[in-house]
């Protein structure tokens, strides 16, 4: 019997129904058709402050000192089986919203582990080389945690216009 997984999709685009949204919606559709539970978080709707390198999380063992929507998202990341990061390409990188979340997970290095990880990115570039910085960021991010499994990277090449 196949076990259902909890799939958490974190949408980094500030535009809710853009190209990355279309791609992540299709990913969710496939996951649900396979019997998995899904949740999508739109970072543009969340209040997540920047990491200020106060080191409270590392020296006092109490997690991040900032109290904002990050705590809720961190708990969902820790609880999920599958983590999907989604972002359009913004000057060869992820959006500020997604980068802020990635930076804040520094406070949760021991709380997040054992996830199947996917990356979905879309951008106007028509070659993979234009996406490499994001791919490197993703690999660096999941490499900071224990037992994270890089499953698939989905590239939306040449996606300048919506629906391209």
N, C-alpha and C. Protein backbone atom coordinates (compact mmCIF):
# COMPACT_ATOMS: atom_id res chain seq x y z
N UNK A 1 0.84 -1.18 0.00
CA UNK A 1 0.00 0.00 0.00
C UNK A 1 0.89 1.25 0.00
N UNK A 2 0.58 2.17 -0.87
CA UNK A 2 1.34 3.40 -1.00
C UNK A 2 0.99 4.36 0.14
N UNK A 3 2.00 4.94 0.74
CA UNK A 3 1.80 5.87 1.84
C UNK A 3 1.63 7.28 1.29
N UNK A 4 0.63 7.97 1.80
CA UNK A 4 0.40 9.36 1.42
C UNK A 4 1.45 10.24 2.08
N UNK A 5 1.91 11.23 1.34
CA UNK A 5 2.91 12.17 1.85
C UNK A 5 2.29 13.55 1.99
N UNK A 6 2.85 14.33 2.90
CA UNK A 6 2.46 15.72 3.06
C UNK A 6 3.41 16.57 2.21
N UNK A 7 2.85 17.22 1.20
CA UNK A 7 3.62 18.03 0.26
C UNK A 7 3.41 19.50 0.58
N UNK A 8 4.50 20.20 0.84
CA UNK A 8 4.44 21.64 1.12
C UNK A 8 5.10 22.39 -0.03
N UNK A 9 4.31 23.23 -0.68
CA UNK A 9 4.78 24.04 -1.80
C UNK A 9 4.92 25.48 -1.31
N UNK A 10 6.12 26.02 -1.42
CA UNK A 10 6.37 27.39 -0.98
C UNK A 10 6.60 28.24 -2.22
N UNK A 11 5.64 29.10 -2.48
CA UNK A 11 5.62 29.95 -3.67
C UNK A 11 6.29 31.28 -3.36
N UNK A 12 7.43 31.53 -4.01
CA UNK A 12 8.20 32.74 -3.75
C UNK A 12 7.83 33.93 -4.62
N UNK A 13 6.97 33.72 -5.60
CA UNK A 13 6.63 34.81 -6.50
C UNK A 13 5.68 35.80 -5.85
N UNK A 14 5.90 37.10 -6.07
CA UNK A 14 4.94 38.08 -5.57
C UNK A 14 3.66 38.12 -6.42
N UNK A 15 3.71 37.49 -7.59
CA UNK A 15 2.55 37.45 -8.49
C UNK A 15 1.90 36.08 -8.35
N UNK A 16 0.70 36.06 -7.84
CA UNK A 16 0.04 34.82 -7.44
C UNK A 16 -0.23 33.85 -8.59
N UNK A 17 -0.59 34.32 -9.74
CA UNK A 17 -0.98 33.41 -10.82
C UNK A 17 -0.08 33.57 -12.05
N UNK A 18 1.21 33.77 -11.80
CA UNK A 18 2.17 33.90 -12.89
C UNK A 18 2.64 32.53 -13.35
N UNK A 19 3.75 32.52 -14.07
CA UNK A 19 4.26 31.27 -14.63
C UNK A 19 4.68 30.26 -13.57
N UNK A 20 5.31 30.71 -12.51
CA UNK A 20 5.68 29.75 -11.46
C UNK A 20 4.43 29.21 -10.78
N UNK A 21 3.43 30.06 -10.64
CA UNK A 21 2.16 29.61 -10.07
C UNK A 21 1.51 28.54 -10.93
N UNK A 22 1.55 28.74 -12.24
CA UNK A 22 0.99 27.74 -13.16
C UNK A 22 1.74 26.42 -13.03
N UNK A 23 3.06 26.49 -12.97
CA UNK A 23 3.86 25.27 -12.84
C UNK A 23 3.62 24.58 -11.50
N UNK A 24 3.59 25.36 -10.42
CA UNK A 24 3.39 24.73 -9.11
C UNK A 24 1.97 24.17 -8.97
N UNK A 25 0.99 24.82 -9.60
CA UNK A 25 -0.37 24.27 -9.57
C UNK A 25 -0.43 22.91 -10.26
N UNK A 26 0.30 22.76 -11.35
CA UNK A 26 0.35 21.46 -12.04
C UNK A 26 1.06 20.41 -11.18
N UNK A 27 2.11 20.83 -10.48
CA UNK A 27 2.81 19.92 -9.57
C UNK A 27 1.84 19.44 -8.48
N UNK A 28 1.10 20.38 -7.91
CA UNK A 28 0.13 20.06 -6.86
C UNK A 28 -0.94 19.11 -7.40
N UNK A 29 -1.42 19.39 -8.59
CA UNK A 29 -2.44 18.54 -9.21
C UNK A 29 -1.93 17.09 -9.32
N UNK A 30 -0.70 16.93 -9.78
CA UNK A 30 -0.11 15.60 -9.90
C UNK A 30 0.05 14.93 -8.55
N UNK A 31 0.49 15.69 -7.55
CA UNK A 31 0.66 15.13 -6.21
C UNK A 31 -0.68 14.67 -5.63
N UNK A 32 -1.70 15.48 -5.82
CA UNK A 32 -3.03 15.12 -5.30
C UNK A 32 -3.60 13.91 -6.04
N UNK A 33 -3.38 13.85 -7.35
CA UNK A 33 -3.84 12.69 -8.12
C UNK A 33 -3.13 11.42 -7.66
N UNK A 34 -1.92 11.56 -7.15
CA UNK A 34 -1.16 10.41 -6.63
C UNK A 34 -1.55 10.08 -5.19
N UNK A 35 -2.49 10.84 -4.63
CA UNK A 35 -2.99 10.55 -3.29
C UNK A 35 -2.30 11.28 -2.15
N UNK A 36 -1.51 12.28 -2.48
CA UNK A 36 -0.78 13.02 -1.44
C UNK A 36 -1.57 14.26 -1.01
N UNK A 37 -1.37 14.65 0.24
CA UNK A 37 -1.96 15.88 0.77
C UNK A 37 -1.04 17.04 0.42
N UNK A 38 -1.61 18.17 0.04
CA UNK A 38 -0.79 19.31 -0.36
C UNK A 38 -1.21 20.59 0.36
N UNK A 39 -0.25 21.47 0.48
CA UNK A 39 -0.51 22.82 0.98
C UNK A 39 0.42 23.76 0.23
N UNK A 40 -0.12 24.92 -0.14
CA UNK A 40 0.68 25.93 -0.83
C UNK A 40 0.71 27.19 0.01
N UNK A 41 1.91 27.68 0.25
CA UNK A 41 2.10 28.92 1.00
C UNK A 41 2.60 29.98 0.03
N UNK A 42 1.93 31.12 0.02
CA UNK A 42 2.35 32.26 -0.78
C UNK A 42 3.15 33.19 0.12
N UNK A 43 4.45 33.25 -0.09
CA UNK A 43 5.29 34.09 0.76
C UNK A 43 4.92 35.56 0.67
N UNK A 44 4.35 35.98 -0.46
CA UNK A 44 3.96 37.38 -0.62
C UNK A 44 2.84 37.77 0.34
N UNK A 45 2.15 36.79 0.89
CA UNK A 45 1.07 37.05 1.85
C UNK A 45 1.54 36.94 3.30
N UNK A 46 2.81 36.66 3.49
CA UNK A 46 3.34 36.45 4.83
C UNK A 46 4.26 37.60 5.24
N UNK A 47 4.34 37.80 6.54
CA UNK A 47 5.23 38.80 7.10
C UNK A 47 6.46 38.07 7.65
N UNK A 48 7.54 38.12 6.89
CA UNK A 48 8.77 37.46 7.30
C UNK A 48 9.90 38.48 7.24
N UNK A 49 10.45 38.79 8.41
CA UNK A 49 11.54 39.75 8.48
C UNK A 49 12.87 39.10 8.13
N UNK A 50 13.84 39.94 7.86
CA UNK A 50 15.17 39.47 7.50
C UNK A 50 15.92 38.93 8.70
N UNK A 51 16.79 37.98 8.46
CA UNK A 51 17.72 37.52 9.49
C UNK A 51 18.68 38.67 9.78
N UNK A 52 18.88 38.95 11.06
CA UNK A 52 19.77 40.04 11.45
C UNK A 52 21.06 39.52 12.09
N UNK A 53 21.30 38.22 11.97
CA UNK A 53 22.53 37.60 12.45
C UNK A 53 22.77 37.89 13.94
N UNK A 54 21.70 37.84 14.72
CA UNK A 54 21.84 38.08 16.16
C UNK A 54 22.41 36.86 16.89
N UNK A 55 22.34 35.69 16.22
CA UNK A 55 22.87 34.43 16.74
C UNK A 55 22.12 33.88 17.95
N UNK A 56 20.98 34.46 18.30
CA UNK A 56 20.19 33.93 19.41
C UNK A 56 19.83 32.47 19.14
N UNK A 57 19.49 32.17 17.91
CA UNK A 57 19.10 30.80 17.56
C UNK A 57 20.23 29.80 17.77
N UNK A 58 21.45 30.24 17.63
CA UNK A 58 22.60 29.34 17.75
C UNK A 58 23.19 29.33 19.15
N UNK A 59 23.04 30.41 19.89
CA UNK A 59 23.69 30.49 21.19
C UNK A 59 22.75 30.23 22.36
N UNK A 60 21.47 30.50 22.17
CA UNK A 60 20.53 30.34 23.28
C UNK A 60 19.57 29.17 23.06
N UNK A 61 19.65 28.54 21.88
CA UNK A 61 18.88 27.33 21.61
C UNK A 61 17.38 27.49 21.58
N UNK A 62 16.90 28.71 21.44
CA UNK A 62 15.47 28.91 21.48
C UNK A 62 14.83 29.25 20.16
N UNK A 63 15.50 28.95 19.06
CA UNK A 63 14.96 29.30 17.76
C UNK A 63 15.18 30.77 17.47
N UNK A 64 14.50 31.24 16.46
CA UNK A 64 14.68 32.62 16.01
C UNK A 64 14.07 33.60 17.00
N UNK A 65 14.79 34.69 17.25
CA UNK A 65 14.31 35.71 18.18
C UNK A 65 13.18 36.54 17.59
N UNK A 66 13.10 36.61 16.27
CA UNK A 66 12.04 37.39 15.63
C UNK A 66 10.72 36.63 15.72
N UNK A 67 9.67 37.35 15.96
CA UNK A 67 8.34 36.75 16.05
C UNK A 67 7.50 37.27 14.89
N UNK A 68 7.38 36.44 13.88
CA UNK A 68 6.60 36.79 12.70
C UNK A 68 6.07 35.50 12.08
N UNK A 69 5.68 35.53 10.83
CA UNK A 69 5.09 34.36 10.18
C UNK A 69 6.10 33.24 9.91
N UNK A 70 7.38 33.50 10.08
CA UNK A 70 8.37 32.46 9.84
C UNK A 70 8.15 31.25 10.74
N UNK A 71 7.79 31.47 11.98
CA UNK A 71 7.63 30.35 12.92
C UNK A 71 6.64 29.32 12.39
N UNK A 72 5.51 29.81 11.90
CA UNK A 72 4.47 28.93 11.36
C UNK A 72 4.99 28.16 10.14
N UNK A 73 5.68 28.85 9.25
CA UNK A 73 6.20 28.20 8.04
C UNK A 73 7.28 27.19 8.40
N UNK A 74 8.15 27.55 9.32
CA UNK A 74 9.21 26.63 9.77
C UNK A 74 8.60 25.34 10.31
N UNK A 75 7.56 25.46 11.11
CA UNK A 75 6.90 24.27 11.66
C UNK A 75 6.31 23.41 10.55
N UNK A 76 5.76 24.04 9.52
CA UNK A 76 5.20 23.28 8.40
C UNK A 76 6.30 22.61 7.58
N UNK A 77 7.42 23.28 7.42
CA UNK A 77 8.56 22.67 6.72
C UNK A 77 9.04 21.45 7.52
N UNK A 78 9.16 21.62 8.82
CA UNK A 78 9.63 20.52 9.67
C UNK A 78 8.69 19.32 9.62
N UNK A 79 7.39 19.57 9.46
CA UNK A 79 6.40 18.50 9.49
C UNK A 79 6.16 17.83 8.14
N UNK A 80 6.51 18.48 7.04
CA UNK A 80 6.19 17.92 5.73
C UNK A 80 7.15 16.79 5.34
N UNK A 81 6.72 16.01 4.37
CA UNK A 81 7.56 14.95 3.80
C UNK A 81 8.27 15.43 2.54
N UNK A 82 7.58 16.30 1.81
CA UNK A 82 8.08 16.80 0.53
C UNK A 82 8.06 18.33 0.57
N UNK A 83 9.20 18.93 0.26
CA UNK A 83 9.33 20.38 0.24
C UNK A 83 9.58 20.83 -1.20
N UNK A 84 8.74 21.75 -1.67
CA UNK A 84 8.85 22.26 -3.03
C UNK A 84 9.07 23.77 -2.96
N UNK A 85 10.21 24.22 -3.43
CA UNK A 85 10.50 25.65 -3.49
C UNK A 85 10.23 26.15 -4.90
N UNK A 86 9.53 27.28 -4.99
CA UNK A 86 9.09 27.79 -6.28
C UNK A 86 9.46 29.27 -6.38
N UNK A 87 10.09 29.65 -7.50
CA UNK A 87 10.45 31.06 -7.68
C UNK A 87 10.62 31.39 -9.15
N UNK A 88 10.22 32.60 -9.52
CA UNK A 88 10.65 33.10 -10.83
C UNK A 88 12.11 33.54 -10.72
N UNK A 89 12.73 33.74 -11.84
CA UNK A 89 14.11 34.23 -11.87
C UNK A 89 14.07 35.75 -11.76
N UNK A 90 14.73 36.28 -10.75
CA UNK A 90 14.89 37.72 -10.57
C UNK A 90 16.38 38.01 -10.60
N UNK A 91 16.85 38.56 -11.69
CA UNK A 91 18.27 38.86 -11.86
C UNK A 91 19.15 37.67 -11.47
N UNK A 92 18.87 36.54 -12.08
CA UNK A 92 19.64 35.31 -11.93
C UNK A 92 19.53 34.68 -10.54
N UNK A 93 18.54 35.07 -9.77
CA UNK A 93 18.40 34.54 -8.42
C UNK A 93 16.93 34.33 -8.09
N UNK A 94 16.68 33.84 -6.88
CA UNK A 94 15.32 33.70 -6.39
C UNK A 94 14.79 35.07 -5.97
N UNK A 95 13.50 35.14 -5.74
CA UNK A 95 12.91 36.39 -5.27
C UNK A 95 13.39 36.71 -3.85
N UNK A 96 13.25 37.96 -3.48
CA UNK A 96 13.62 38.39 -2.12
C UNK A 96 12.80 37.64 -1.08
N UNK A 97 11.55 37.37 -1.39
CA UNK A 97 10.68 36.67 -0.44
C UNK A 97 11.23 35.28 -0.13
N UNK A 98 11.63 34.54 -1.17
CA UNK A 98 12.14 33.19 -0.95
C UNK A 98 13.52 33.23 -0.30
N UNK A 99 14.36 34.16 -0.72
CA UNK A 99 15.70 34.26 -0.12
C UNK A 99 15.61 34.60 1.36
N UNK A 100 14.67 35.44 1.73
CA UNK A 100 14.48 35.78 3.14
C UNK A 100 14.09 34.54 3.94
N UNK A 101 13.18 33.74 3.40
CA UNK A 101 12.80 32.50 4.08
C UNK A 101 14.00 31.56 4.21
N UNK A 102 14.74 31.40 3.14
CA UNK A 102 15.92 30.53 3.17
C UNK A 102 16.88 31.00 4.26
N UNK A 103 17.15 32.30 4.31
CA UNK A 103 18.07 32.83 5.32
C UNK A 103 17.57 32.58 6.73
N UNK A 104 16.29 32.72 6.94
CA UNK A 104 15.73 32.53 8.28
C UNK A 104 15.78 31.08 8.74
N UNK A 105 15.85 30.12 7.82
CA UNK A 105 15.92 28.72 8.25
C UNK A 105 17.24 28.40 8.95
N UNK A 106 18.17 29.32 8.94
CA UNK A 106 19.40 29.15 9.71
C UNK A 106 19.07 28.85 11.17
N UNK A 107 17.98 29.41 11.64
CA UNK A 107 17.57 29.20 13.03
C UNK A 107 16.96 27.82 13.26
N UNK A 108 16.78 27.04 12.20
CA UNK A 108 16.11 25.74 12.32
C UNK A 108 16.97 24.60 11.79
N UNK A 109 18.27 24.76 11.82
CA UNK A 109 19.16 23.75 11.23
C UNK A 109 18.97 22.36 11.82
N UNK A 110 18.61 22.27 13.08
CA UNK A 110 18.42 20.96 13.70
C UNK A 110 16.97 20.49 13.67
N UNK A 111 16.06 21.33 13.22
CA UNK A 111 14.64 20.98 13.22
C UNK A 111 14.15 20.45 11.87
N UNK A 112 14.88 20.73 10.82
CA UNK A 112 14.47 20.34 9.47
C UNK A 112 15.41 19.25 8.97
N UNK A 113 14.84 18.12 8.56
CA UNK A 113 15.66 17.04 8.00
C UNK A 113 14.77 16.04 7.27
N UNK A 114 15.40 15.23 6.45
CA UNK A 114 14.73 14.09 5.83
C UNK A 114 13.61 14.42 4.86
N UNK A 115 13.75 15.46 4.09
CA UNK A 115 12.70 15.85 3.13
C UNK A 115 13.08 15.43 1.72
N UNK A 116 12.08 15.12 0.92
CA UNK A 116 12.26 15.04 -0.52
C UNK A 116 12.10 16.47 -1.02
N UNK A 117 13.05 16.94 -1.81
CA UNK A 117 13.05 18.35 -2.21
C UNK A 117 12.95 18.51 -3.72
N UNK A 118 12.14 19.48 -4.10
CA UNK A 118 11.94 19.83 -5.50
C UNK A 118 12.14 21.33 -5.65
N UNK A 119 12.57 21.74 -6.83
CA UNK A 119 12.71 23.15 -7.16
C UNK A 119 11.98 23.40 -8.46
N UNK A 120 11.13 24.43 -8.46
CA UNK A 120 10.43 24.85 -9.68
C UNK A 120 10.79 26.31 -9.92
N UNK A 121 11.38 26.58 -11.08
CA UNK A 121 11.73 27.96 -11.42
C UNK A 121 11.32 28.26 -12.86
N UNK A 122 10.95 29.51 -13.08
CA UNK A 122 10.57 29.95 -14.42
C UNK A 122 11.19 31.31 -14.67
N UNK A 123 11.62 31.51 -15.91
CA UNK A 123 12.21 32.79 -16.26
C UNK A 123 12.30 32.97 -17.76
N UNK A 124 12.63 34.17 -18.16
CA UNK A 124 12.69 34.52 -19.57
C UNK A 124 13.86 33.86 -20.30
N UNK A 125 14.90 33.50 -19.57
CA UNK A 125 16.07 32.89 -20.20
C UNK A 125 15.71 31.60 -20.91
N UNK A 126 16.33 31.39 -22.06
CA UNK A 126 16.00 30.20 -22.85
C UNK A 126 17.06 29.10 -22.74
N UNK A 127 18.00 29.28 -21.81
CA UNK A 127 19.04 28.28 -21.59
C UNK A 127 19.20 28.03 -20.09
N UNK A 128 19.57 26.81 -19.75
CA UNK A 128 19.70 26.45 -18.34
C UNK A 128 20.74 27.30 -17.61
N UNK A 129 21.74 27.79 -18.32
CA UNK A 129 22.79 28.58 -17.67
C UNK A 129 22.23 29.82 -16.96
N UNK A 130 21.11 30.34 -17.42
CA UNK A 130 20.50 31.51 -16.80
C UNK A 130 19.82 31.17 -15.47
N UNK A 131 19.69 29.90 -15.18
CA UNK A 131 19.03 29.43 -13.97
C UNK A 131 20.05 28.87 -12.96
N UNK A 132 21.31 28.82 -13.34
CA UNK A 132 22.31 28.12 -12.54
C UNK A 132 22.50 28.70 -11.14
N UNK A 133 22.44 30.01 -11.00
CA UNK A 133 22.61 30.61 -9.67
C UNK A 133 21.51 30.14 -8.72
N UNK A 134 20.29 30.05 -9.23
CA UNK A 134 19.18 29.56 -8.40
C UNK A 134 19.39 28.09 -8.05
N UNK A 135 19.80 27.31 -9.02
CA UNK A 135 20.05 25.89 -8.76
C UNK A 135 21.13 25.73 -7.70
N UNK A 136 22.19 26.52 -7.79
CA UNK A 136 23.26 26.47 -6.80
C UNK A 136 22.75 26.89 -5.41
N UNK A 137 21.92 27.92 -5.36
CA UNK A 137 21.33 28.35 -4.09
C UNK A 137 20.49 27.23 -3.48
N UNK A 138 19.68 26.60 -4.29
CA UNK A 138 18.84 25.49 -3.84
C UNK A 138 19.69 24.34 -3.30
N UNK A 139 20.72 23.95 -4.04
CA UNK A 139 21.58 22.86 -3.57
C UNK A 139 22.30 23.25 -2.28
N UNK A 140 22.75 24.49 -2.19
CA UNK A 140 23.38 24.96 -0.95
C UNK A 140 22.42 24.93 0.22
N UNK A 141 21.19 25.35 -0.04
CA UNK A 141 20.16 25.37 1.01
C UNK A 141 19.88 23.96 1.53
N UNK A 142 19.54 23.03 0.64
CA UNK A 142 19.19 21.70 1.13
C UNK A 142 20.40 20.97 1.70
N UNK A 143 21.60 21.36 1.27
CA UNK A 143 22.82 20.76 1.79
C UNK A 143 23.12 21.13 3.23
N UNK A 144 22.46 22.15 3.74
CA UNK A 144 22.68 22.58 5.13
C UNK A 144 21.94 21.71 6.13
N UNK A 145 21.04 20.89 5.65
CA UNK A 145 20.19 20.09 6.53
C UNK A 145 20.50 18.61 6.37
N UNK A 146 20.15 17.84 7.36
CA UNK A 146 20.43 16.42 7.38
C UNK A 146 19.46 15.64 6.49
N UNK A 147 20.01 14.76 5.68
CA UNK A 147 19.23 13.78 4.93
C UNK A 147 18.17 14.38 4.00
N UNK A 148 18.50 15.47 3.35
CA UNK A 148 17.59 16.06 2.37
C UNK A 148 17.87 15.42 1.01
N UNK A 149 16.81 15.04 0.31
CA UNK A 149 16.96 14.33 -0.96
C UNK A 149 16.53 15.23 -2.11
N UNK A 150 17.48 15.58 -2.96
CA UNK A 150 17.20 16.38 -4.16
C UNK A 150 16.52 15.47 -5.17
N UNK A 151 15.24 15.71 -5.44
CA UNK A 151 14.49 14.84 -6.33
C UNK A 151 14.49 15.34 -7.77
N UNK A 152 13.89 16.49 -8.02
CA UNK A 152 13.74 16.99 -9.39
C UNK A 152 13.80 18.51 -9.38
N UNK A 153 14.42 19.05 -10.42
CA UNK A 153 14.41 20.48 -10.67
C UNK A 153 13.62 20.71 -11.96
N UNK A 154 12.58 21.52 -11.87
CA UNK A 154 11.73 21.82 -13.02
C UNK A 154 12.04 23.23 -13.49
N UNK A 155 12.46 23.37 -14.75
CA UNK A 155 12.81 24.66 -15.31
C UNK A 155 11.76 25.10 -16.32
N UNK A 156 11.24 26.29 -16.13
CA UNK A 156 10.35 26.90 -17.11
C UNK A 156 11.16 27.87 -17.96
N UNK A 157 11.83 27.34 -18.98
CA UNK A 157 12.69 28.15 -19.84
C UNK A 157 11.86 29.01 -20.78
N UNK A 158 12.33 30.22 -21.05
CA UNK A 158 11.68 31.10 -22.02
C UNK A 158 10.30 31.57 -21.60
N UNK A 159 10.07 31.65 -20.30
CA UNK A 159 8.74 32.00 -19.79
C UNK A 159 8.67 33.49 -19.45
N UNK A 160 8.74 34.33 -20.45
CA UNK A 160 8.64 35.78 -20.23
C UNK A 160 7.18 36.20 -20.05
N UNK A 161 6.35 35.86 -21.01
CA UNK A 161 4.93 36.20 -20.94
C UNK A 161 4.19 35.17 -20.11
N UNK A 162 3.15 35.60 -19.43
CA UNK A 162 2.36 34.68 -18.62
C UNK A 162 1.81 33.55 -19.49
N UNK A 163 2.00 32.33 -19.00
CA UNK A 163 1.52 31.17 -19.73
C UNK A 163 2.46 30.69 -20.82
N UNK A 164 3.62 31.34 -20.93
CA UNK A 164 4.58 30.98 -22.00
C UNK A 164 5.13 29.58 -21.81
